Amino acid sequence: MQRLGLFLAAGTLLATAVSAAHGRTIDDVRARGALNCGVSEGLPGFSQADSSGAWRGFDVDICRAVAAAVFGDPGKITYLSLPSATRFEALKNGDIDLLSRNSTWTMSRDTTLGLDFAGVAYYDGQGFLVRADYGMRSALELFGARICLITATTTEENAAEFFASKGIDVTFMPFDIRADARQAYVDQKCDAMTGDRSALAAERSRMDEPGDHIIMPEVISKEPLGPVTRDDDPAWTDVVRWTLFGLINAEEKGLTSAAMTSNDEDKATAAALGQPAAAALGLEDDWLAKVIEAVGNYGEIFERNLGVDTPLGIERGINAPWNAGGILYAPPMH
């Protein structure tokens, strides 16, 4: 009986410890009064501060959606601009609560860094940017080329494997800072620039004559990009994950930001969609309606920041919903 009592006591202590750890981040965020969100150093369309210092972009809107879910207010965010080399350490060290910064989900990152990828927000792939006046139409023509890239990413390994498999000799010019790599390309210190195709579109949009540069057709890697959390608080990861999934499901169901302020039926539908898990997530019953009102659905976020009517001019492609020819897919919310 004494052993049984000790066993039960130990179990109670363990359950209490697990319960105390569960949900720790959301409590810290609320006590602080702001979400600390890590973004890029400045990548058009994804995360960039405007002339007034306000951050805008696809990744920024993921941060805003999470803040809207937690606070009902998308503006309660402190942004931390992070280079590739230090982004994961900043998250592990607790400098940020969420990393929303064009980061690829890989097995090694997921299993060895103490991190969780909450989901895929953007399906991308690595490509190559060159000057149009070179007359090249394929990366297979890059014999002897000098290629600029960013360190501390999956980029160099992918490119090395691609060119080795084709028997093509190239030279890589690595840079820690994206702006330095872009400037080297502009100054023709390298012949091509490689990275995620969306990032290349963003860098091209910053050049004086974007039309003078082309992204070659080859896609040489899988780059599932998405928000990242620490793996010590699964409850917080669930908040981020289901906020992202809520945005995707909202597009599928035709729930828009405008409807949240003008259509009581749609607003009730959005609230009902998120309500079943609200208590488990530690959120208000109408959290999803507030998220959609604040940032729109996934499609609205995409078109506003990256779409064909923006300087990046990216078509939906595989990032279209699964029922519209793409592979964008979120689990059902019931």
C-alpha atoms as a PDB file:
ATOM      1  CA  MET A   1       0.000   0.000   0.000  1.00  0.00           C
ATOM      2  CA  GLN A   2       2.855   2.361   0.832  1.00  0.00           C
ATOM      3  CA  ARG A   3       4.430   1.717  -2.579  1.00  0.00           C
ATOM      4  CA  LEU A   4       1.073   2.289  -4.263  1.00  0.00           C
ATOM      5  CA  GLY A   5       0.668   5.568  -2.388  1.00  0.00           C
ATOM      6  CA  LEU A   6       4.144   6.689  -3.412  1.00  0.00           C
ATOM      7  CA  PHE A   7       3.417   5.674  -7.012  1.00  0.00           C
ATOM      8  CA  LEU A   8       0.151   7.637  -7.045  1.00  0.00           C
ATOM      9  CA  ALA A   9       1.847  10.644  -5.431  1.00  0.00           C
ATOM     10  CA  ALA A  10       4.606  10.551  -8.017  1.00  0.00           C
ATOM     11  CA  GLY A  11       2.013  10.329 -10.772  1.00  0.00           C
ATOM     12  CA  THR A  12       0.190  13.328  -9.349  1.00  0.00           C
ATOM     13  CA  LEU A  13       3.412  15.347  -9.207  1.00  0.00           C
ATOM     14  CA  LEU A  14       4.250  14.377 -12.776  1.00  0.00           C
ATOM     15  CA  ALA A  15       0.784  15.337 -13.977  1.00  0.00           C
ATOM     16  CA  THR A  16       1.065  18.646 -12.131  1.00  0.00           C
ATOM     17  CA  ALA A  17       4.473  19.319 -13.683  1.00  0.00           C
ATOM     18  CA  VAL A  18       3.194  18.503 -17.164  1.00  0.00           C
ATOM     19  CA  SER A  19       0.130  20.679 -16.609  1.00  0.00           C
ATOM     20  CA  ALA A  20       2.305  23.561 -15.429  1.00  0.00           C
ATOM     21  CA  ALA A  21       4.514  23.301 -18.509  1.00  0.00           C
ATOM     22  CA  HIS A  22       1.518  22.968 -20.807  1.00  0.00           C
ATOM     23  CA  GLY A  23       0.481  26.374 -22.060  1.00  0.00           C
ATOM     24  CA  ARG A  24       3.439  28.213 -20.562  1.00  0.00           C
ATOM     25  CA  THR A  25       4.142  30.304 -23.670  1.00  0.00           C
ATOM     26  CA  ILE A  26       0.638  31.657 -24.139  1.00  0.00           C
ATOM     27  CA  ASP A  27       0.632  32.763 -20.490  1.00  0.00           C
ATOM     28  CA  ASP A  28       3.982  34.500 -20.945  1.00  0.00           C
ATOM     29  CA  VAL A  29       2.777  36.207 -24.123  1.00  0.00           C
ATOM     30  CA  ARG A  30      -0.377  37.465 -22.436  1.00  0.00           C
ATOM     31  CA  ALA A  31       1.492  38.647 -19.343  1.00  0.00           C
ATOM     32  CA  ARG A  32       3.930  40.532 -21.574  1.00  0.00           C
ATOM     33  CA  GLY A  33       1.094  42.033 -23.580  1.00  0.00           C
ATOM     34  CA  ALA A  34       2.699  41.285 -26.936  1.00  0.00           C
ATOM     35  CA  LEU A  35       3.776  38.399 -29.149  1.00  0.00           C
ATOM     36  CA  ASN A  36       7.509  38.395 -29.916  1.00  0.00           C
ATOM     37  CA  CYS A  37       7.716  37.330 -33.547  1.00  0.00           C
ATOM     38  CA  GLY A  38      10.918  36.699 -35.514  1.00  0.00           C
ATOM     39  CA  VAL A  39      10.924  37.788 -39.161  1.00  0.00           C
ATOM     40  CA  SER A  40      13.502  38.284 -41.918  1.00  0.00           C
ATOM     41  CA  GLU A  41      15.946  41.159 -42.285  1.00  0.00           C
ATOM     42  CA  GLY A  42      13.644  42.506 -44.992  1.00  0.00           C
ATOM     43  CA  LEU A  43      12.240  40.407 -47.831  1.00  0.00           C
ATOM     44  CA  PRO A  44       9.595  42.091 -50.012  1.00  0.00           C
ATOM     45  CA  GLY A  45       6.262  40.348 -49.945  1.00  0.00           C
ATOM     46  CA  PHE A  46       7.182  38.247 -46.910  1.00  0.00           C
ATOM     47  CA  SER A  47       8.434  40.554 -44.158  1.00  0.00           C
ATOM     48  CA  GLN A  48       9.612  44.097 -44.649  1.00  0.00           C
ATOM     49  CA  ALA A  49       9.317  47.308 -42.641  1.00  0.00           C
ATOM     50  CA  ASP A  50       7.803  50.213 -44.564  1.00  0.00           C
ATOM     51  CA  SER A  51       8.891  53.862 -44.384  1.00  0.00           C
ATOM     52  CA  SER A  52       6.954  54.328 -41.139  1.00  0.00           C
ATOM     53  CA  GLY A  53       8.524  51.257 -39.539  1.00  0.00           C
ATOM     54  CA  ALA A  54       5.394  49.096 -39.826  1.00  0.00           C
ATOM     55  CA  TRP A  55       6.092  45.498 -40.802  1.00  0.00           C
ATOM     56  CA  ARG A  56       4.139  44.031 -43.731  1.00  0.00           C
ATOM     57  CA  GLY A  57       4.145  40.800 -45.708  1.00  0.00           C
ATOM     58  CA  PHE A  58       2.982  37.196 -45.891  1.00  0.00           C
ATOM     59  CA  ASP A  59       5.066  36.020 -42.920  1.00  0.00           C
ATOM     60  CA  VAL A  60       4.109  39.139 -40.971  1.00  0.00           C
ATOM     61  CA  ASP A  61       0.440  38.333 -41.512  1.00  0.00           C
ATOM     62  CA  ILE A  62       1.010  34.912 -39.929  1.00  0.00           C
ATOM     63  CA  CYS A  63       2.350  36.742 -36.862  1.00  0.00           C
ATOM     64  CA  ARG A  64      -0.657  39.085 -36.934  1.00  0.00           C
ATOM     65  CA  ALA A  65      -3.054  36.134 -37.206  1.00  0.00           C
ATOM     66  CA  VAL A  66      -1.564  34.494 -34.103  1.00  0.00           C
ATOM     67  CA  ALA A  67      -1.744  37.788 -32.184  1.00  0.00           C
ATOM     68  CA  ALA A  68      -5.388  38.145 -33.223  1.00  0.00           C
ATOM     69  CA  ALA A  69      -6.080  34.603 -31.977  1.00  0.00           C
ATOM     70  CA  VAL A  70      -4.383  35.221 -28.612  1.00  0.00           C
ATOM     71  CA  PHE A  71      -5.377  38.839 -27.935  1.00  0.00           C
ATOM     72  CA  GLY A  72      -8.171  39.593 -30.396  1.00  0.00           C
ATOM     73  CA  ASP A  73      -5.781  42.319 -31.624  1.00  0.00           C
ATOM     74  CA  PRO A  74      -3.349  41.764 -34.541  1.00  0.00           C
ATOM     75  CA  GLY A  75      -1.236  44.725 -33.517  1.00  0.00           C
ATOM     76  CA  LYS A  76       0.052  43.347 -30.219  1.00  0.00           C
ATOM     77  CA  ILE A  77       3.378  42.199 -31.662  1.00  0.00           C
ATOM     78  CA  THR A  78       7.040  43.047 -31.204  1.00  0.00           C
ATOM     79  CA  TYR A  79       9.008  42.130 -34.331  1.00  0.00           C
ATOM     80  CA  LEU A  80      12.613  40.958 -34.239  1.00  0.00           C
ATOM     81  CA  SER A  81      14.500  41.055 -37.543  1.00  0.00           C
ATOM     82  CA  LEU A  82      16.717  37.962 -37.826  1.00  0.00           C
ATOM     83  CA  PRO A  83      19.325  36.752 -40.347  1.00  0.00           C
ATOM     84  CA  SER A  84      19.340  33.096 -41.391  1.00  0.00           C
ATOM     85  CA  ALA A  85      22.341  32.237 -39.222  1.00  0.00           C
ATOM     86  CA  THR A  86      20.731  33.216 -35.901  1.00  0.00           C
ATOM     87  CA  ARG A  87      16.991  32.679 -36.471  1.00  0.00           C
ATOM     88  CA  PHE A  88      16.732  29.268 -34.780  1.00  0.00           C
ATOM     89  CA  GLU A  89      18.959  30.221 -31.837  1.00  0.00           C
ATOM     90  CA  ALA A  90      16.775  33.262 -31.183  1.00  0.00           C
ATOM     91  CA  LEU A  91      13.764  30.967 -30.928  1.00  0.00           C
ATOM     92  CA  LYS A  92      15.535  28.366 -28.773  1.00  0.00           C
ATOM     93  CA  ASN A  93      16.845  31.064 -26.432  1.00  0.00           C
ATOM     94  CA  GLY A  94      13.380  32.503 -25.876  1.00  0.00           C
ATOM     95  CA  ASP A  95      14.083  35.831 -27.590  1.00  0.00           C
ATOM     96  CA  ILE A  96      10.993  35.192 -29.712  1.00  0.00           C
ATOM     97  CA  ASP A  97       7.824  33.148 -29.217  1.00  0.00           C
ATOM     98  CA  LEU A  98       7.321  32.408 -32.901  1.00  0.00           C
ATOM     99  CA  LEU A  99       9.559  32.344 -35.960  1.00  0.00           C
ATOM    100  CA  SER A 100       7.702  33.334 -39.124  1.00  0.00           C
ATOM    101  CA  ARG A 101      10.562  33.744 -41.530  1.00  0.00           C
ATOM    102  CA  ASN A 102      10.706  31.731 -44.808  1.00  0.00           C
ATOM    103  CA  SER A 103      12.228  28.693 -43.065  1.00  0.00           C
ATOM    104  CA  THR A 104      12.246  25.217 -44.604  1.00  0.00           C
ATOM    105  CA  TRP A 105      10.877  22.280 -42.624  1.00  0.00           C
ATOM    106  CA  THR A 106      13.505  19.529 -42.660  1.00  0.00           C
ATOM    107  CA  MET A 107      13.939  16.352 -40.639  1.00  0.00           C
ATOM    108  CA  SER A 108      17.214  17.465 -39.059  1.00  0.00           C
ATOM    109  CA  ARG A 109      15.796  20.812 -37.959  1.00  0.00           C
ATOM    110  CA  ASP A 110      12.646  19.189 -36.645  1.00  0.00           C
ATOM    111  CA  THR A 111      14.417  16.450 -34.684  1.00  0.00           C
ATOM    112  CA  THR A 112      17.724  17.929 -33.506  1.00  0.00           C
ATOM    113  CA  LEU A 113      17.161  21.636 -32.775  1.00  0.00           C
ATOM    114  CA  GLY A 114      14.435  21.415 -30.148  1.00  0.00           C
ATOM    115  CA  LEU A 115      11.944  22.994 -32.539  1.00  0.00           C
ATOM    116  CA  ASP A 116       8.509  22.251 -33.977  1.00  0.00           C
ATOM    117  CA  PHE A 117       7.279  23.247 -37.414  1.00  0.00           C
ATOM    118  CA  ALA A 118       3.620  24.079 -36.936  1.00  0.00           C
ATOM    119  CA  GLY A 119       2.659  23.487 -40.570  1.00  0.00           C
ATOM    120  CA  VAL A 120       3.386  24.448 -44.160  1.00  0.00           C
ATOM    121  CA  ALA A 121       2.374  28.011 -44.982  1.00  0.00           C
ATOM    122  CA  TYR A 122       3.992  28.131 -48.426  1.00  0.00           C
ATOM    123  CA  TYR A 123       5.185  25.366 -50.738  1.00  0.00           C
ATOM    124  CA  ASP A 124       8.339  26.530 -52.468  1.00  0.00           C
ATOM    125  CA  GLY A 125      11.359  25.179 -54.301  1.00  0.00           C
ATOM    126  CA  GLN A 126      14.871  26.352 -55.053  1.00  0.00           C
ATOM    127  CA  GLY A 127      15.678  28.022 -58.356  1.00  0.00           C
ATOM    128  CA  PHE A 128      18.103  30.343 -60.113  1.00  0.00           C
ATOM    129  CA  LEU A 129      17.974  34.026 -61.041  1.00  0.00           C
ATOM    130  CA  VAL A 130      20.040  35.322 -64.000  1.00  0.00           C
ATOM    131  CA  ARG A 131      20.190  38.372 -66.228  1.00  0.00           C
ATOM    132  CA  ALA A 132      17.916  38.110 -69.238  1.00  0.00           C
ATOM    133  CA  ASP A 133      20.582  39.460 -71.591  1.00  0.00           C
ATOM    134  CA  TYR A 134      22.697  36.358 -70.971  1.00  0.00           C
ATOM    135  CA  GLY A 135      20.257  34.584 -73.262  1.00  0.00           C
ATOM    136  CA  MET A 136      20.119  31.523 -70.977  1.00  0.00           C
ATOM    137  CA  ARG A 137      16.922  29.534 -70.660  1.00  0.00           C
ATOM    138  CA  SER A 138      18.049  26.731 -68.340  1.00  0.00           C
ATOM    139  CA  ALA A 139      20.228  26.236 -65.295  1.00  0.00           C
ATOM    140  CA  LEU A 140      21.977  23.524 -67.306  1.00  0.00           C
ATOM    141  CA  GLU A 141      23.715  26.362 -69.171  1.00  0.00           C
ATOM    142  CA  LEU A 142      25.486  27.639 -66.052  1.00  0.00           C
ATOM    143  CA  PHE A 143      28.839  25.979 -66.822  1.00  0.00           C
ATOM    144  CA  GLY A 144      31.618  27.709 -64.860  1.00  0.00           C
ATOM    145  CA  ALA A 145      29.194  30.200 -63.301  1.00  0.00           C
ATOM    146  CA  ARG A 146      29.738  32.061 -60.044  1.00  0.00           C
ATOM    147  CA  ILE A 147      26.606  31.664 -57.962  1.00  0.00           C
ATOM    148  CA  CYS A 148      25.654  33.861 -55.001  1.00  0.00           C
ATOM    149  CA  LEU A 149      23.733  32.290 -52.104  1.00  0.00           C
ATOM    150  CA  ILE A 150      22.886  32.718 -48.412  1.00  0.00           C
ATOM    151  CA  THR A 151      24.720  30.687 -45.767  1.00  0.00           C
ATOM    152  CA  ALA A 152      23.047  28.741 -42.932  1.00  0.00           C
ATOM    153  CA  THR A 153      20.318  27.534 -45.297  1.00  0.00           C
ATOM    154  CA  THR A 154      19.651  24.363 -47.277  1.00  0.00           C
ATOM    155  CA  THR A 155      20.542  26.252 -50.458  1.00  0.00           C
ATOM    156  CA  GLU A 156      24.223  25.421 -51.024  1.00  0.00           C
ATOM    157  CA  GLU A 157      23.811  21.679 -50.422  1.00  0.00           C
ATOM    158  CA  ASN A 158      20.839  21.511 -52.802  1.00  0.00           C
ATOM    159  CA  ALA A 159      22.685  23.397 -55.532  1.00  0.00           C
ATOM    160  CA  ALA A 160      25.878  21.380 -55.081  1.00  0.00           C
ATOM    161  CA  GLU A 161      23.953  18.123 -55.450  1.00  0.00           C
ATOM    162  CA  PHE A 162      22.106  19.407 -58.515  1.00  0.00           C
ATOM    163  CA  PHE A 163      25.195  20.538 -60.414  1.00  0.00           C
ATOM    164  CA  ALA A 164      27.242  17.477 -59.402  1.00  0.00           C
ATOM    165  CA  SER A 165      24.502  15.195 -60.737  1.00  0.00           C
ATOM    166  CA  LYS A 166      24.642  17.054 -64.057  1.00  0.00           C
ATOM    167  CA  GLY A 167      28.454  17.119 -64.247  1.00  0.00           C
ATOM    168  CA  ILE A 168      28.487  20.924 -64.237  1.00  0.00           C
ATOM    169  CA  ASP A 169      31.279  22.841 -62.479  1.00  0.00           C
ATOM    170  CA  VAL A 170      30.234  26.042 -60.690  1.00  0.00           C
ATOM    171  CA  THR A 171      31.642  28.243 -57.923  1.00  0.00           C
ATOM    172  CA  PHE A 172      29.551  29.242 -54.925  1.00  0.00           C
ATOM    173  CA  MET A 173      29.869  32.656 -53.330  1.00  0.00           C
ATOM    174  CA  PRO A 174      28.265  32.464 -49.852  1.00  0.00           C
ATOM    175  CA  PHE A 175      26.995  35.497 -47.927  1.00  0.00           C
ATOM    176  CA  ASP A 176      25.661  35.782 -44.378  1.00  0.00           C
ATOM    177  CA  ILE A 177      23.376  38.699 -45.210  1.00  0.00           C
ATOM    178  CA  ARG A 178      20.790  38.568 -47.989  1.00  0.00           C
ATOM    179  CA  ALA A 179      21.339  42.201 -48.976  1.00  0.00           C
ATOM    180  CA  ASP A 180      25.040  41.500 -49.545  1.00  0.00           C
ATOM    181  CA  ALA A 181      24.275  38.562 -51.819  1.00  0.00           C
ATOM    182  CA  ARG A 182      21.807  40.651 -53.802  1.00  0.00           C
ATOM    183  CA  GLN A 183      24.291  43.501 -54.176  1.00  0.00           C
ATOM    184  CA  ALA A 184      27.015  41.128 -55.362  1.00  0.00           C
ATOM    185  CA  TYR A 185      24.625  39.842 -58.013  1.00  0.00           C
ATOM    186  CA  VAL A 186      23.649  43.389 -59.053  1.00  0.00           C
ATOM    187  CA  ASP A 187      27.344  44.337 -59.265  1.00  0.00           C
ATOM    188  CA  GLN A 188      27.911  41.249 -61.455  1.00  0.00           C
ATOM    189  CA  LYS A 189      30.400  39.770 -59.034  1.00  0.00           C
ATOM    190  CA  CYS A 190      28.417  36.578 -59.542  1.00  0.00           C
ATOM    191  CA  ASP A 191      26.578  35.330 -62.614  1.00  0.00           C
ATOM    192  CA  ALA A 192      23.496  33.924 -60.904  1.00  0.00           C
ATOM    193  CA  MET A 193      21.729  33.934 -57.582  1.00  0.00           C
ATOM    194  CA  THR A 194      20.098  30.877 -56.070  1.00  0.00           C
ATOM    195  CA  GLY A 195      17.510  30.482 -53.324  1.00  0.00           C
ATOM    196  CA  ASP A 196      13.842  29.766 -52.859  1.00  0.00           C
ATOM    197  CA  ARG A 197      12.008  30.878 -55.976  1.00  0.00           C
ATOM    198  CA  SER A 198       9.724  33.116 -53.939  1.00  0.00           C
ATOM    199  CA  ALA A 199      12.767  34.797 -52.380  1.00  0.00           C
ATOM    200  CA  LEU A 200      14.288  35.278 -55.825  1.00  0.00           C
ATOM    201  CA  ALA A 201      11.065  36.928 -56.990  1.00  0.00           C
ATOM    202  CA  ALA A 202      11.275  39.195 -53.954  1.00  0.00           C
ATOM    203  CA  GLU A 203      14.904  40.116 -54.634  1.00  0.00           C
ATOM    204  CA  ARG A 204      14.162  40.751 -58.303  1.00  0.00           C
ATOM    205  CA  SER A 205      11.374  43.172 -57.332  1.00  0.00           C
ATOM    206  CA  ARG A 206      13.968  45.332 -55.532  1.00  0.00           C
ATOM    207  CA  MET A 207      16.194  45.756 -58.565  1.00  0.00           C
ATOM    208  CA  ASP A 208      16.093  48.871 -60.751  1.00  0.00           C
ATOM    209  CA  GLU A 209      14.799  46.933 -63.773  1.00  0.00           C
ATOM    210  CA  PRO A 210      13.115  43.731 -62.581  1.00  0.00           C
ATOM    211  CA  GLY A 211      12.240  42.774 -66.143  1.00  0.00           C
ATOM    212  CA  ASP A 212      15.937  42.474 -66.943  1.00  0.00           C
ATOM    213  CA  HIS A 213      16.187  39.341 -64.793  1.00  0.00           C
ATOM    214  CA  ILE A 214      14.576  35.937 -65.181  1.00  0.00           C
ATOM    215  CA  ILE A 215      13.955  33.010 -62.854  1.00  0.00           C
ATOM    216  CA  MET A 216      14.922  29.851 -64.688  1.00  0.00           C
ATOM    217  CA  PRO A 217      12.367  27.036 -65.012  1.00  0.00           C
ATOM    218  CA  GLU A 218      14.231  24.418 -62.973  1.00  0.00           C
ATOM    219  CA  VAL A 219      12.943  23.711 -59.467  1.00  0.00           C
ATOM    220  CA  ILE A 220      15.676  21.663 -57.795  1.00  0.00           C
ATOM    221  CA  SER A 221      14.327  21.082 -54.302  1.00  0.00           C
ATOM    222  CA  LYS A 222      11.315  20.847 -52.027  1.00  0.00           C
ATOM    223  CA  GLU A 223      11.095  23.824 -49.678  1.00  0.00           C
ATOM    224  CA  PRO A 224       8.041  23.602 -47.398  1.00  0.00           C
ATOM    225  CA  LEU A 225       8.105  26.910 -45.533  1.00  0.00           C
ATOM    226  CA  GLY A 226       6.215  27.533 -42.333  1.00  0.00           C
ATOM    227  CA  PRO A 227       6.071  29.002 -38.826  1.00  0.00           C
ATOM    228  CA  VAL A 228       8.316  27.493 -36.140  1.00  0.00           C
ATOM    229  CA  THR A 229       7.946  27.151 -32.365  1.00  0.00           C
ATOM    230  CA  ARG A 230       9.955  25.498 -29.588  1.00  0.00           C
ATOM    231  CA  ASP A 231       9.129  21.852 -28.939  1.00  0.00           C
ATOM    232  CA  ASP A 232       8.836  22.280 -25.153  1.00  0.00           C
ATOM    233  CA  ASP A 233       5.275  23.616 -25.295  1.00  0.00           C
ATOM    234  CA  PRO A 234       2.956  21.585 -27.541  1.00  0.00           C
ATOM    235  CA  ALA A 235      -0.033  23.664 -26.450  1.00  0.00           C
ATOM    236  CA  TRP A 236       1.562  26.785 -27.938  1.00  0.00           C
ATOM    237  CA  THR A 237       2.466  24.921 -31.114  1.00  0.00           C
ATOM    238  CA  ASP A 238      -1.209  23.935 -31.375  1.00  0.00           C
ATOM    239  CA  VAL A 239      -2.255  27.592 -31.179  1.00  0.00           C
ATOM    240  CA  VAL A 240       0.069  28.488 -34.061  1.00  0.00           C
ATOM    241  CA  ARG A 241      -0.776  25.354 -36.050  1.00  0.00           C
ATOM    242  CA  TRP A 242      -4.536  25.761 -35.852  1.00  0.00           C
ATOM    243  CA  THR A 243      -4.339  29.472 -36.560  1.00  0.00           C
ATOM    244  CA  LEU A 244      -2.584  28.599 -39.828  1.00  0.00           C
ATOM    245  CA  PHE A 245      -5.019  25.772 -40.538  1.00  0.00           C
ATOM    246  CA  GLY A 246      -7.907  28.106 -39.746  1.00  0.00           C
ATOM    247  CA  LEU A 247      -6.710  30.541 -42.419  1.00  0.00           C
ATOM    248  CA  ILE A 248      -6.537  27.743 -44.981  1.00  0.00           C
ATOM    249  CA  ASN A 249      -9.941  26.321 -44.053  1.00  0.00           C
ATOM    250  CA  ALA A 250     -11.451  29.817 -44.126  1.00  0.00           C
ATOM    251  CA  GLU A 251     -10.469  30.227 -47.776  1.00  0.00           C
ATOM    252  CA  GLU A 252     -11.930  26.832 -48.613  1.00  0.00           C
ATOM    253  CA  LYS A 253     -15.230  27.881 -47.023  1.00  0.00           C
ATOM    254  CA  GLY A 254     -15.270  31.335 -48.592  1.00  0.00           C
ATOM    255  CA  LEU A 255     -14.994  33.217 -45.285  1.00  0.00           C
ATOM    256  CA  THR A 256     -13.417  36.628 -45.890  1.00  0.00           C
ATOM    257  CA  SER A 257     -12.321  39.598 -43.807  1.00  0.00           C
ATOM    258  CA  ALA A 258     -15.085  41.770 -45.285  1.00  0.00           C
ATOM    259  CA  ALA A 259     -17.719  39.195 -44.373  1.00  0.00           C
ATOM    260  CA  MET A 260     -16.652  39.273 -40.728  1.00  0.00           C
ATOM    261  CA  THR A 261     -17.845  42.888 -40.480  1.00  0.00           C
ATOM    262  CA  SER A 262     -20.786  42.801 -42.876  1.00  0.00           C
ATOM    263  CA  ASN A 263     -22.294  39.323 -42.764  1.00  0.00           C
ATOM    264  CA  ASP A 264     -23.539  38.055 -39.409  1.00  0.00           C
ATOM    265  CA  GLU A 265     -24.135  34.559 -40.807  1.00  0.00           C
ATOM    266  CA  ASP A 266     -20.560  34.191 -42.080  1.00  0.00           C
ATOM    267  CA  LYS A 267     -19.193  35.604 -38.826  1.00  0.00           C
ATOM    268  CA  ALA A 268     -21.202  33.037 -36.880  1.00  0.00           C
ATOM    269  CA  THR A 269     -19.952  30.290 -39.207  1.00  0.00           C
ATOM    270  CA  ALA A 270     -16.330  31.340 -38.598  1.00  0.00           C
ATOM    271  CA  ALA A 271     -16.870  31.450 -34.843  1.00  0.00           C
ATOM    272  CA  ALA A 272     -18.491  28.022 -34.887  1.00  0.00           C
ATOM    273  CA  LEU A 273     -15.620  26.636 -36.960  1.00  0.00           C
ATOM    274  CA  GLY A 274     -13.056  27.505 -34.295  1.00  0.00           C
ATOM    275  CA  GLN A 275     -15.185  27.070 -31.182  1.00  0.00           C
ATOM    276  CA  PRO A 276     -14.851  23.271 -30.616  1.00  0.00           C
ATOM    277  CA  ALA A 277     -11.140  23.604 -29.759  1.00  0.00           C
ATOM    278  CA  ALA A 278     -11.223  27.081 -28.224  1.00  0.00           C
ATOM    279  CA  ALA A 279     -11.032  25.939 -24.604  1.00  0.00           C
ATOM    280  CA  ALA A 280      -8.281  23.411 -25.320  1.00  0.00           C
ATOM    281  CA  LEU A 281      -6.255  26.087 -27.117  1.00  0.00           C
ATOM    282  CA  GLY A 282      -6.862  28.638 -24.354  1.00  0.00           C
ATOM    283  CA  LEU A 283      -8.634  31.023 -26.758  1.00  0.00           C
ATOM    284  CA  GLU A 284     -11.961  32.840 -26.865  1.00  0.00           C
ATOM    285  CA  ASP A 285     -14.853  31.059 -28.575  1.00  0.00           C
ATOM    286  CA  ASP A 286     -14.809  33.498 -31.528  1.00  0.00           C
ATOM    287  CA  TRP A 287     -11.028  33.478 -31.974  1.00  0.00           C
ATOM    288  CA  LEU A 288     -11.145  32.364 -35.599  1.00  0.00           C
ATOM    289  CA  ALA A 289     -13.657  35.038 -36.592  1.00  0.00           C
ATOM    290  CA  LYS A 290     -11.295  37.621 -35.069  1.00  0.00           C
ATOM    291  CA  VAL A 291      -8.335  36.158 -36.996  1.00  0.00           C
ATOM    292  CA  ILE A 292     -10.172  36.284 -40.329  1.00  0.00           C
ATOM    293  CA  GLU A 293     -11.427  39.809 -39.637  1.00  0.00           C
ATOM    294  CA  ALA A 294      -7.876  40.943 -38.845  1.00  0.00           C
ATOM    295  CA  VAL A 295      -5.926  39.419 -41.743  1.00  0.00           C
ATOM    296  CA  GLY A 296      -8.376  37.710 -44.090  1.00  0.00           C
ATOM    297  CA  ASN A 297      -8.243  34.091 -45.190  1.00  0.00           C
ATOM    298  CA  TYR A 298      -5.154  32.411 -46.651  1.00  0.00           C
ATOM    299  CA  GLY A 299      -6.033  33.459 -50.197  1.00  0.00           C
ATOM    300  CA  GLU A 300      -6.441  37.097 -49.182  1.00  0.00           C
ATOM    301  CA  ILE A 301      -3.063  37.045 -47.442  1.00  0.00           C
ATOM    302  CA  PHE A 302      -1.405  35.475 -50.502  1.00  0.00           C
ATOM    303  CA  GLU A 303      -2.895  37.853 -53.053  1.00  0.00           C
ATOM    304  CA  ARG A 304      -2.247  40.943 -50.925  1.00  0.00           C
ATOM    305  CA  ASN A 305       1.448  40.192 -50.439  1.00  0.00           C
ATOM    306  CA  LEU A 306       2.657  37.861 -53.188  1.00  0.00           C
ATOM    307  CA  GLY A 307       0.012  37.610 -55.894  1.00  0.00           C
ATOM    308  CA  VAL A 308      -0.004  38.520 -59.572  1.00  0.00           C
ATOM    309  CA  ASP A 309      -1.029  42.123 -58.843  1.00  0.00           C
ATOM    310  CA  THR A 310       1.954  42.724 -56.541  1.00  0.00           C
ATOM    311  CA  PRO A 311       5.568  43.500 -57.524  1.00  0.00           C
ATOM    312  CA  LEU A 312       6.418  39.819 -56.938  1.00  0.00           C
ATOM    313  CA  GLY A 313       3.752  38.646 -59.402  1.00  0.00           C
ATOM    314  CA  ILE A 314       3.566  35.067 -58.067  1.00  0.00           C
ATOM    315  CA  GLU A 315       0.713  32.871 -59.269  1.00  0.00           C
ATOM    316  CA  ARG A 316      -0.975  30.559 -56.790  1.00  0.00           C
ATOM    317  CA  GLY A 317       0.311  27.403 -58.519  1.00  0.00           C
ATOM    318  CA  ILE A 318       0.682  24.558 -56.032  1.00  0.00           C
ATOM    319  CA  ASN A 319      -0.257  26.973 -53.247  1.00  0.00           C
ATOM    320  CA  ALA A 320      -3.818  26.994 -54.524  1.00  0.00           C
ATOM    321  CA  PRO A 321      -6.374  25.040 -52.457  1.00  0.00           C
ATOM    322  CA  TRP A 322      -6.559  21.287 -52.999  1.00  0.00           C
ATOM    323  CA  ASN A 323      -9.996  21.680 -54.608  1.00  0.00           C
ATOM    324  CA  ALA A 324      -8.729  24.322 -57.045  1.00  0.00           C
ATOM    325  CA  GLY A 325      -5.766  22.501 -58.566  1.00  0.00           C
ATOM    326  CA  GLY A 326      -3.176  23.050 -55.843  1.00  0.00           C
ATOM    327  CA  ILE A 327      -1.892  21.045 -52.891  1.00  0.00           C
ATOM    328  CA  LEU A 328      -2.787  23.477 -50.095  1.00  0.00           C
ATOM    329  CA  TYR A 329      -4.640  21.374 -47.575  1.00  0.00           C
ATOM    330  CA  ALA A 330      -5.508  21.661 -43.891  1.00  0.00           C
ATOM    331  CA  PRO A 331      -7.170  19.100 -41.617  1.00  0.00           C
ATOM    332  CA  PRO A 332     -10.877  19.733 -40.942  1.00  0.00           C
ATOM    333  CA  MET A 333     -11.767  21.768 -37.862  1.00  0.00           C
ATOM    334  CA  HIS A 334     -14.383  19.549 -36.247  1.00  0.00           C
END
